């Protein structure tokens, strides 16, 4: 059994909360970083309140955590949407999402790599999105989430010989607080009916995929993107 310490970003709500809870149930020591502290407690849960869109704050938190723990599993999950049509797209929003989705991912990976290389074992799971195949109002969001897929493939090539796998998950419509902020109840029902599986996803659907990639025995899977989307990636989707 490898060192089962994991960092999960954005673990206070939504998909991140579901991942934290399932990993705790699986016996991991979970360290979460988010803008607010989680509303649940566990003997093996540590929580840090940090804005991951702030590179200096992220770097400081990463250094503090890795000074205390040899983290060999990293789940880069934190994210926000900030939707807008192309006419209203803001470069300030693009900078914010780049720092949050990409910058924090880079800084935390860099902080965890020494322990992973020393252990000759590591699992990095990056959260992309089904939106990368196209979705109105998602210029900045889909652009940064698409970059996550490219970075995942690049890191898989660079780190495989160290025993480190790097994979991505691309969630489709998952029922979370953020989902309800973007989609009305009526639209959600219509969306569910239009999916091949006939339902919307849950944070637990994404957590199960995360545990698959994190598993010590799944060392022959790397550089992959798994769409956990109920079939939404098979065709067009309009929210």
C-alpha atoms as a PDB file:
ATOM      1  CA  UNK A   1       0.000   0.000   0.000  1.00  0.00           C
ATOM      2  CA  UNK A   2       1.400   3.353  -1.083  1.00  0.00           C
ATOM      3  CA  UNK A   3       1.299   6.568   0.931  1.00  0.00           C
ATOM      4  CA  UNK A   4      -2.380   7.520   0.874  1.00  0.00           C
ATOM      5  CA  UNK A   5      -2.175  11.281   1.365  1.00  0.00           C
ATOM      6  CA  UNK A   6      -4.074  13.322  -1.199  1.00  0.00           C
ATOM      7  CA  UNK A   7      -4.589  16.998  -1.932  1.00  0.00           C
ATOM      8  CA  UNK A   8      -8.013  17.836  -3.373  1.00  0.00           C
ATOM      9  CA  UNK A   9      -8.576  21.428  -4.475  1.00  0.00           C
ATOM     10  CA  UNK A  10     -12.039  22.936  -4.243  1.00  0.00           C
ATOM     11  CA  UNK A  11     -13.107  20.343  -1.701  1.00  0.00           C
ATOM     12  CA  UNK A  12     -15.609  22.443   0.239  1.00  0.00           C
ATOM     13  CA  UNK A  13     -18.540  21.938  -2.116  1.00  0.00           C
ATOM     14  CA  UNK A  14     -19.813  20.266  -5.264  1.00  0.00           C
ATOM     15  CA  UNK A  15     -17.633  17.758  -7.061  1.00  0.00           C
ATOM     16  CA  UNK A  16     -14.670  18.434  -4.797  1.00  0.00           C
ATOM     17  CA  UNK A  17     -16.700  17.715  -1.668  1.00  0.00           C
ATOM     18  CA  UNK A  18     -17.882  14.436  -3.173  1.00  0.00           C
ATOM     19  CA  UNK A  19     -14.301  13.465  -4.011  1.00  0.00           C
ATOM     20  CA  UNK A  20     -13.073  14.302  -0.509  1.00  0.00           C
ATOM     21  CA  UNK A  21     -15.795  12.289   1.174  1.00  0.00           C
ATOM     22  CA  UNK A  22     -15.304   9.238  -1.024  1.00  0.00           C
ATOM     23  CA  UNK A  23     -11.533   9.335  -0.611  1.00  0.00           C
ATOM     24  CA  UNK A  24     -11.918   9.625   3.158  1.00  0.00           C
ATOM     25  CA  UNK A  25     -14.179   6.568   3.063  1.00  0.00           C
ATOM     26  CA  UNK A  26     -11.477   4.771   1.040  1.00  0.00           C
ATOM     27  CA  UNK A  27      -8.879   5.411   3.742  1.00  0.00           C
ATOM     28  CA  UNK A  28      -7.043   8.436   2.371  1.00  0.00           C
ATOM     29  CA  UNK A  29      -5.751  11.307   4.496  1.00  0.00           C
ATOM     30  CA  UNK A  30      -7.339  14.223   2.634  1.00  0.00           C
ATOM     31  CA  UNK A  31      -5.988  17.776   2.485  1.00  0.00           C
ATOM     32  CA  UNK A  32      -8.310  20.228   0.782  1.00  0.00           C
ATOM     33  CA  UNK A  33      -7.682  23.779  -0.395  1.00  0.00           C
ATOM     34  CA  UNK A  34     -10.626  26.047  -1.188  1.00  0.00           C
ATOM     35  CA  UNK A  35     -11.891  29.599  -0.807  1.00  0.00           C
ATOM     36  CA  UNK A  36     -14.002  28.502   2.155  1.00  0.00           C
ATOM     37  CA  UNK A  37     -13.708  25.728   4.687  1.00  0.00           C
ATOM     38  CA  UNK A  38     -15.833  22.595   4.197  1.00  0.00           C
ATOM     39  CA  UNK A  39     -19.036  22.129   6.194  1.00  0.00           C
ATOM     40  CA  UNK A  40     -18.059  18.622   7.301  1.00  0.00           C
ATOM     41  CA  UNK A  41     -15.370  17.190   9.560  1.00  0.00           C
ATOM     42  CA  UNK A  42     -13.355  13.994   9.636  1.00  0.00           C
ATOM     43  CA  UNK A  43     -10.414  12.755  11.672  1.00  0.00           C
ATOM     44  CA  UNK A  44      -8.352  12.453   8.492  1.00  0.00           C
ATOM     45  CA  UNK A  45      -9.397  15.723   6.851  1.00  0.00           C
ATOM     46  CA  UNK A  46      -7.265  18.887   6.823  1.00  0.00           C
ATOM     47  CA  UNK A  47      -8.651  22.060   5.298  1.00  0.00           C
ATOM     48  CA  UNK A  48      -6.898  25.217   4.129  1.00  0.00           C
ATOM     49  CA  UNK A  49      -8.775  28.400   3.248  1.00  0.00           C
ATOM     50  CA  UNK A  50      -6.982  29.859   0.227  1.00  0.00           C
ATOM     51  CA  UNK A  51      -7.846  31.619  -3.033  1.00  0.00           C
ATOM     52  CA  UNK A  52      -6.201  29.383  -5.610  1.00  0.00           C
ATOM     53  CA  UNK A  53      -6.458  32.161  -8.197  1.00  0.00           C
ATOM     54  CA  UNK A  54      -3.817  33.995  -6.144  1.00  0.00           C
ATOM     55  CA  UNK A  55      -0.439  32.494  -7.137  1.00  0.00           C
ATOM     56  CA  UNK A  56       1.381  33.790  -4.051  1.00  0.00           C
ATOM     57  CA  UNK A  57      -1.238  32.390  -1.659  1.00  0.00           C
ATOM     58  CA  UNK A  58      -1.281  29.078  -3.527  1.00  0.00           C
ATOM     59  CA  UNK A  59       2.498  28.796  -3.443  1.00  0.00           C
ATOM     60  CA  UNK A  60       2.543  29.536   0.290  1.00  0.00           C
ATOM     61  CA  UNK A  61      -0.143  26.948   1.076  1.00  0.00           C
ATOM     62  CA  UNK A  62       1.566  24.339  -1.104  1.00  0.00           C
ATOM     63  CA  UNK A  63       4.875  24.876   0.671  1.00  0.00           C
ATOM     64  CA  UNK A  64       3.234  24.592   4.101  1.00  0.00           C
ATOM     65  CA  UNK A  65       1.450  21.362   3.215  1.00  0.00           C
ATOM     66  CA  UNK A  66       4.371  19.639   1.537  1.00  0.00           C
ATOM     67  CA  UNK A  67       6.650  20.565   4.437  1.00  0.00           C
ATOM     68  CA  UNK A  68       4.383  18.481   6.695  1.00  0.00           C
ATOM     69  CA  UNK A  69       3.199  15.743   4.332  1.00  0.00           C
ATOM     70  CA  UNK A  70       4.623  13.610   1.550  1.00  0.00           C
ATOM     71  CA  UNK A  71       1.677  13.869  -0.803  1.00  0.00           C
ATOM     72  CA  UNK A  72       1.643  11.310  -3.602  1.00  0.00           C
ATOM     73  CA  UNK A  73      -1.888  11.872  -4.929  1.00  0.00           C
ATOM     74  CA  UNK A  74      -3.099  15.225  -6.240  1.00  0.00           C
ATOM     75  CA  UNK A  75      -6.586  16.045  -7.499  1.00  0.00           C
ATOM     76  CA  UNK A  76      -6.666  19.436  -9.249  1.00  0.00           C
ATOM     77  CA  UNK A  77     -10.412  19.991  -9.116  1.00  0.00           C
ATOM     78  CA  UNK A  78     -11.102  23.644  -8.185  1.00  0.00           C
ATOM     79  CA  UNK A  79     -12.860  25.684 -10.824  1.00  0.00           C
ATOM     80  CA  UNK A  80     -15.478  28.299 -11.649  1.00  0.00           C
ATOM     81  CA  UNK A  81     -17.291  29.172 -14.874  1.00  0.00           C
ATOM     82  CA  UNK A  82     -17.759  32.956 -15.368  1.00  0.00           C
ATOM     83  CA  UNK A  83     -19.918  32.552 -18.504  1.00  0.00           C
ATOM     84  CA  UNK A  84     -20.336  35.160 -21.239  1.00  0.00           C
ATOM     85  CA  UNK A  85     -20.938  35.358 -24.965  1.00  0.00           C
ATOM     86  CA  UNK A  86     -17.908  36.269 -27.037  1.00  0.00           C
ATOM     87  CA  UNK A  87     -19.034  39.900 -27.333  1.00  0.00           C
ATOM     88  CA  UNK A  88     -18.788  40.300 -23.558  1.00  0.00           C
ATOM     89  CA  UNK A  89     -15.784  38.095 -22.812  1.00  0.00           C
ATOM     90  CA  UNK A  90     -13.463  39.759 -20.307  1.00  0.00           C
ATOM     91  CA  UNK A  91      -9.703  39.337 -20.356  1.00  0.00           C
ATOM     92  CA  UNK A  92      -9.743  39.905 -16.593  1.00  0.00           C
ATOM     93  CA  UNK A  93     -11.916  36.800 -16.316  1.00  0.00           C
ATOM     94  CA  UNK A  94      -9.521  34.953 -18.588  1.00  0.00           C
ATOM     95  CA  UNK A  95      -6.596  35.876 -16.345  1.00  0.00           C
ATOM     96  CA  UNK A  96      -8.524  34.785 -13.251  1.00  0.00           C
ATOM     97  CA  UNK A  97      -9.503  31.421 -14.748  1.00  0.00           C
ATOM     98  CA  UNK A  98      -5.995  30.875 -16.091  1.00  0.00           C
ATOM     99  CA  UNK A  99      -4.566  31.394 -12.602  1.00  0.00           C
ATOM    100  CA  UNK A 100      -7.228  29.191 -11.004  1.00  0.00           C
ATOM    101  CA  UNK A 101      -7.465  26.351 -13.515  1.00  0.00           C
ATOM    102  CA  UNK A 102      -3.887  26.254 -14.791  1.00  0.00           C
ATOM    103  CA  UNK A 103      -1.601  28.237 -12.488  1.00  0.00           C
ATOM    104  CA  UNK A 104      -2.712  26.531  -9.277  1.00  0.00           C
ATOM    105  CA  UNK A 105      -2.485  23.162 -10.993  1.00  0.00           C
ATOM    106  CA  UNK A 106       1.114  23.842 -11.993  1.00  0.00           C
ATOM    107  CA  UNK A 107       2.166  25.183  -8.580  1.00  0.00           C
ATOM    108  CA  UNK A 108       0.626  22.306  -6.625  1.00  0.00           C
ATOM    109  CA  UNK A 109       2.046  19.707  -8.992  1.00  0.00           C
ATOM    110  CA  UNK A 110       5.506  21.233  -8.690  1.00  0.00           C
ATOM    111  CA  UNK A 111       5.203  21.170  -4.885  1.00  0.00           C
ATOM    112  CA  UNK A 112       4.155  17.506  -4.791  1.00  0.00           C
ATOM    113  CA  UNK A 113       6.611  16.146  -7.360  1.00  0.00           C
ATOM    114  CA  UNK A 114       9.617  15.718  -5.025  1.00  0.00           C
ATOM    115  CA  UNK A 115       7.673  13.327  -2.761  1.00  0.00           C
ATOM    116  CA  UNK A 116       6.224  11.497  -5.757  1.00  0.00           C
ATOM    117  CA  UNK A 117       9.625  11.049  -7.359  1.00  0.00           C
ATOM    118  CA  UNK A 118      11.147   9.897  -4.084  1.00  0.00           C
ATOM    119  CA  UNK A 119       8.371   7.314  -3.695  1.00  0.00           C
ATOM    120  CA  UNK A 120       8.600   6.294  -7.355  1.00  0.00           C
ATOM    121  CA  UNK A 121       4.838   6.621  -7.290  1.00  0.00           C
ATOM    122  CA  UNK A 122       2.355   9.382  -7.977  1.00  0.00           C
ATOM    123  CA  UNK A 123      -1.179   9.979  -9.142  1.00  0.00           C
ATOM    124  CA  UNK A 124      -2.217  13.337 -10.610  1.00  0.00           C
ATOM    125  CA  UNK A 125      -5.865  13.773 -11.623  1.00  0.00           C
ATOM    126  CA  UNK A 126      -6.861  17.011 -13.356  1.00  0.00           C
ATOM    127  CA  UNK A 127     -10.453  18.176 -13.740  1.00  0.00           C
ATOM    128  CA  UNK A 128     -11.300  19.308 -17.251  1.00  0.00           C
ATOM    129  CA  UNK A 129     -14.853  19.601 -18.624  1.00  0.00           C
ATOM    130  CA  UNK A 130     -17.186  18.288 -21.295  1.00  0.00           C
ATOM    131  CA  UNK A 131     -17.389  21.961 -22.370  1.00  0.00           C
ATOM    132  CA  UNK A 132     -14.083  21.564 -24.223  1.00  0.00           C
ATOM    133  CA  UNK A 133     -15.981  20.058 -27.168  1.00  0.00           C
ATOM    134  CA  UNK A 134     -18.066  23.231 -27.385  1.00  0.00           C
ATOM    135  CA  UNK A 135     -20.673  25.060 -25.325  1.00  0.00           C
ATOM    136  CA  UNK A 136     -22.089  28.597 -25.725  1.00  0.00           C
ATOM    137  CA  UNK A 137     -20.882  31.247 -23.241  1.00  0.00           C
ATOM    138  CA  UNK A 138     -17.832  29.189 -22.247  1.00  0.00           C
ATOM    139  CA  UNK A 139     -14.993  30.920 -24.140  1.00  0.00           C
ATOM    140  CA  UNK A 140     -12.748  31.449 -21.105  1.00  0.00           C
ATOM    141  CA  UNK A 141     -13.905  28.375 -19.206  1.00  0.00           C
ATOM    142  CA  UNK A 142     -13.653  25.909 -22.082  1.00  0.00           C
ATOM    143  CA  UNK A 143     -10.372  27.431 -23.243  1.00  0.00           C
ATOM    144  CA  UNK A 144      -8.649  26.899 -19.907  1.00  0.00           C
ATOM    145  CA  UNK A 145     -10.267  23.490 -19.428  1.00  0.00           C
ATOM    146  CA  UNK A 146      -9.014  22.423 -22.869  1.00  0.00           C
ATOM    147  CA  UNK A 147      -5.510  23.484 -21.857  1.00  0.00           C
ATOM    148  CA  UNK A 148      -5.796  21.104 -18.902  1.00  0.00           C
ATOM    149  CA  UNK A 149      -6.130  18.181 -21.318  1.00  0.00           C
ATOM    150  CA  UNK A 150      -3.000  19.233 -23.214  1.00  0.00           C
ATOM    151  CA  UNK A 151      -1.038  19.707 -19.997  1.00  0.00           C
ATOM    152  CA  UNK A 152      -2.215  16.318 -18.750  1.00  0.00           C
ATOM    153  CA  UNK A 153      -0.848  14.598 -21.858  1.00  0.00           C
ATOM    154  CA  UNK A 154       2.421  16.510 -21.631  1.00  0.00           C
ATOM    155  CA  UNK A 155       2.980  15.688 -17.961  1.00  0.00           C
ATOM    156  CA  UNK A 156       2.139  12.035 -18.569  1.00  0.00           C
ATOM    157  CA  UNK A 157       4.988  11.900 -21.075  1.00  0.00           C
ATOM    158  CA  UNK A 158       7.401  13.687 -18.761  1.00  0.00           C
ATOM    159  CA  UNK A 159       6.611  11.838 -15.531  1.00  0.00           C
ATOM    160  CA  UNK A 160       5.769   8.266 -16.479  1.00  0.00           C
ATOM    161  CA  UNK A 161       9.289   6.956 -15.917  1.00  0.00           C
ATOM    162  CA  UNK A 162       9.049   8.160 -12.303  1.00  0.00           C
ATOM    163  CA  UNK A 163       6.048   5.934 -11.657  1.00  0.00           C
ATOM    164  CA  UNK A 164       3.706   8.924 -11.853  1.00  0.00           C
ATOM    165  CA  UNK A 165       0.499   8.766 -13.871  1.00  0.00           C
ATOM    166  CA  UNK A 166      -1.382  11.882 -14.995  1.00  0.00           C
ATOM    167  CA  UNK A 167      -4.980  11.712 -16.182  1.00  0.00           C
ATOM    168  CA  UNK A 168      -7.936  14.046 -16.650  1.00  0.00           C
ATOM    169  CA  UNK A 169     -11.654  13.806 -16.062  1.00  0.00           C
ATOM    170  CA  UNK A 170     -14.143  15.793 -18.146  1.00  0.00           C
ATOM    171  CA  UNK A 171     -17.451  16.013 -16.265  1.00  0.00           C
ATOM    172  CA  UNK A 172     -20.684  16.706 -18.074  1.00  0.00           C
ATOM    173  CA  UNK A 173     -23.777  18.169 -16.403  1.00  0.00           C
ATOM    174  CA  UNK A 174     -23.273  17.417 -12.702  1.00  0.00           C
ATOM    175  CA  UNK A 175     -25.872  18.589 -10.193  1.00  0.00           C
ATOM    176  CA  UNK A 176     -24.048  20.934  -7.818  1.00  0.00           C
ATOM    177  CA  UNK A 177     -24.589  24.389  -6.381  1.00  0.00           C
ATOM    178  CA  UNK A 178     -22.668  25.865  -9.324  1.00  0.00           C
ATOM    179  CA  UNK A 179     -24.861  23.928 -11.782  1.00  0.00           C
ATOM    180  CA  UNK A 180     -28.044  25.348 -10.248  1.00  0.00           C
ATOM    181  CA  UNK A 181     -26.579  28.853 -10.515  1.00  0.00           C
ATOM    182  CA  UNK A 182     -26.351  28.409 -14.296  1.00  0.00           C
ATOM    183  CA  UNK A 183     -29.319  26.186 -15.163  1.00  0.00           C
ATOM    184  CA  UNK A 184     -33.015  26.563 -14.281  1.00  0.00           C
ATOM    185  CA  UNK A 185     -34.977  23.599 -12.905  1.00  0.00           C
ATOM    186  CA  UNK A 186     -37.016  23.375 -16.106  1.00  0.00           C
ATOM    187  CA  UNK A 187     -33.884  23.402 -18.250  1.00  0.00           C
ATOM    188  CA  UNK A 188     -32.255  20.783 -16.033  1.00  0.00           C
ATOM    189  CA  UNK A 189     -35.168  18.400 -16.614  1.00  0.00           C
ATOM    190  CA  UNK A 190     -34.988  18.945 -20.358  1.00  0.00           C
ATOM    191  CA  UNK A 191     -31.224  18.442 -20.297  1.00  0.00           C
ATOM    192  CA  UNK A 192     -31.547  15.157 -18.404  1.00  0.00           C
ATOM    193  CA  UNK A 193     -34.104  13.856 -20.882  1.00  0.00           C
ATOM    194  CA  UNK A 194     -31.749  14.654 -23.754  1.00  0.00           C
ATOM    195  CA  UNK A 195     -28.839  12.635 -22.378  1.00  0.00           C
ATOM    196  CA  UNK A 196     -28.356   9.031 -23.501  1.00  0.00           C
ATOM    197  CA  UNK A 197     -28.459   7.841 -19.856  1.00  0.00           C
ATOM    198  CA  UNK A 198     -31.599   9.867 -19.108  1.00  0.00           C
ATOM    199  CA  UNK A 199     -30.316  11.585 -15.973  1.00  0.00           C
ATOM    200  CA  UNK A 200     -27.946  14.266 -14.757  1.00  0.00           C
ATOM    201  CA  UNK A 201     -24.720  13.353 -13.001  1.00  0.00           C
ATOM    202  CA  UNK A 202     -23.788  13.569  -9.335  1.00  0.00           C
ATOM    203  CA  UNK A 203     -20.529  14.442  -7.583  1.00  0.00           C
ATOM    204  CA  UNK A 204     -20.260  10.760  -6.664  1.00  0.00           C
ATOM    205  CA  UNK A 205     -20.095   9.856 -10.370  1.00  0.00           C
ATOM    206  CA  UNK A 206     -16.964  11.989 -10.671  1.00  0.00           C
ATOM    207  CA  UNK A 207     -15.550  10.766  -7.357  1.00  0.00           C
ATOM    208  CA  UNK A 208     -15.699   7.147  -8.530  1.00  0.00           C
ATOM    209  CA  UNK A 209     -13.748   8.039 -11.673  1.00  0.00           C
ATOM    210  CA  UNK A 210     -11.215   9.907  -9.529  1.00  0.00           C
ATOM    211  CA  UNK A 211     -10.700   6.861  -7.321  1.00  0.00           C
ATOM    212  CA  UNK A 212     -10.094   4.734 -10.419  1.00  0.00           C
ATOM    213  CA  UNK A 213      -7.268   6.981 -11.601  1.00  0.00           C
ATOM    214  CA  UNK A 214      -5.881   7.278  -8.057  1.00  0.00           C
ATOM    215  CA  UNK A 215      -5.771   3.522  -7.481  1.00  0.00           C
ATOM    216  CA  UNK A 216      -2.288   2.123  -6.853  1.00  0.00           C
ATOM    217  CA  UNK A 217      -2.999  -0.758  -9.249  1.00  0.00           C
ATOM    218  CA  UNK A 218      -3.889   1.436 -12.235  1.00  0.00           C
ATOM    219  CA  UNK A 219      -0.348   2.349 -13.213  1.00  0.00           C
ATOM    220  CA  UNK A 220      -0.790   1.476 -16.894  1.00  0.00           C
ATOM    221  CA  UNK A 221      -3.335   4.244 -17.537  1.00  0.00           C
ATOM    222  CA  UNK A 222      -1.838   7.684 -18.152  1.00  0.00           C
ATOM    223  CA  UNK A 223      -2.344  10.723 -20.359  1.00  0.00           C
ATOM    224  CA  UNK A 224      -6.041   9.945 -20.748  1.00  0.00           C
ATOM    225  CA  UNK A 225      -9.175  12.086 -20.523  1.00  0.00           C
ATOM    226  CA  UNK A 226     -12.286  10.299 -19.286  1.00  0.00           C
ATOM    227  CA  UNK A 227     -15.597  11.938 -20.150  1.00  0.00           C
ATOM    228  CA  UNK A 228     -17.988  11.314 -17.264  1.00  0.00           C
ATOM    229  CA  UNK A 229     -20.916  13.064 -18.863  1.00  0.00           C
ATOM    230  CA  UNK A 230     -23.831  10.695 -19.380  1.00  0.00           C
ATOM    231  CA  UNK A 231     -23.099  10.730 -23.100  1.00  0.00           C
ATOM    232  CA  UNK A 232     -23.232  14.522 -23.452  1.00  0.00           C
ATOM    233  CA  UNK A 233     -19.922  14.514 -25.344  1.00  0.00           C
ATOM    234  CA  UNK A 234     -21.490  12.425 -28.114  1.00  0.00           C
ATOM    235  CA  UNK A 235     -23.472  15.319 -29.565  1.00  0.00           C
ATOM    236  CA  UNK A 236     -24.486  18.940 -29.165  1.00  0.00           C
ATOM    237  CA  UNK A 237     -25.493  20.370 -25.814  1.00  0.00           C
ATOM    238  CA  UNK A 238     -27.047  23.755 -25.117  1.00  0.00           C
ATOM    239  CA  UNK A 239     -27.668  25.015 -21.589  1.00  0.00           C
END
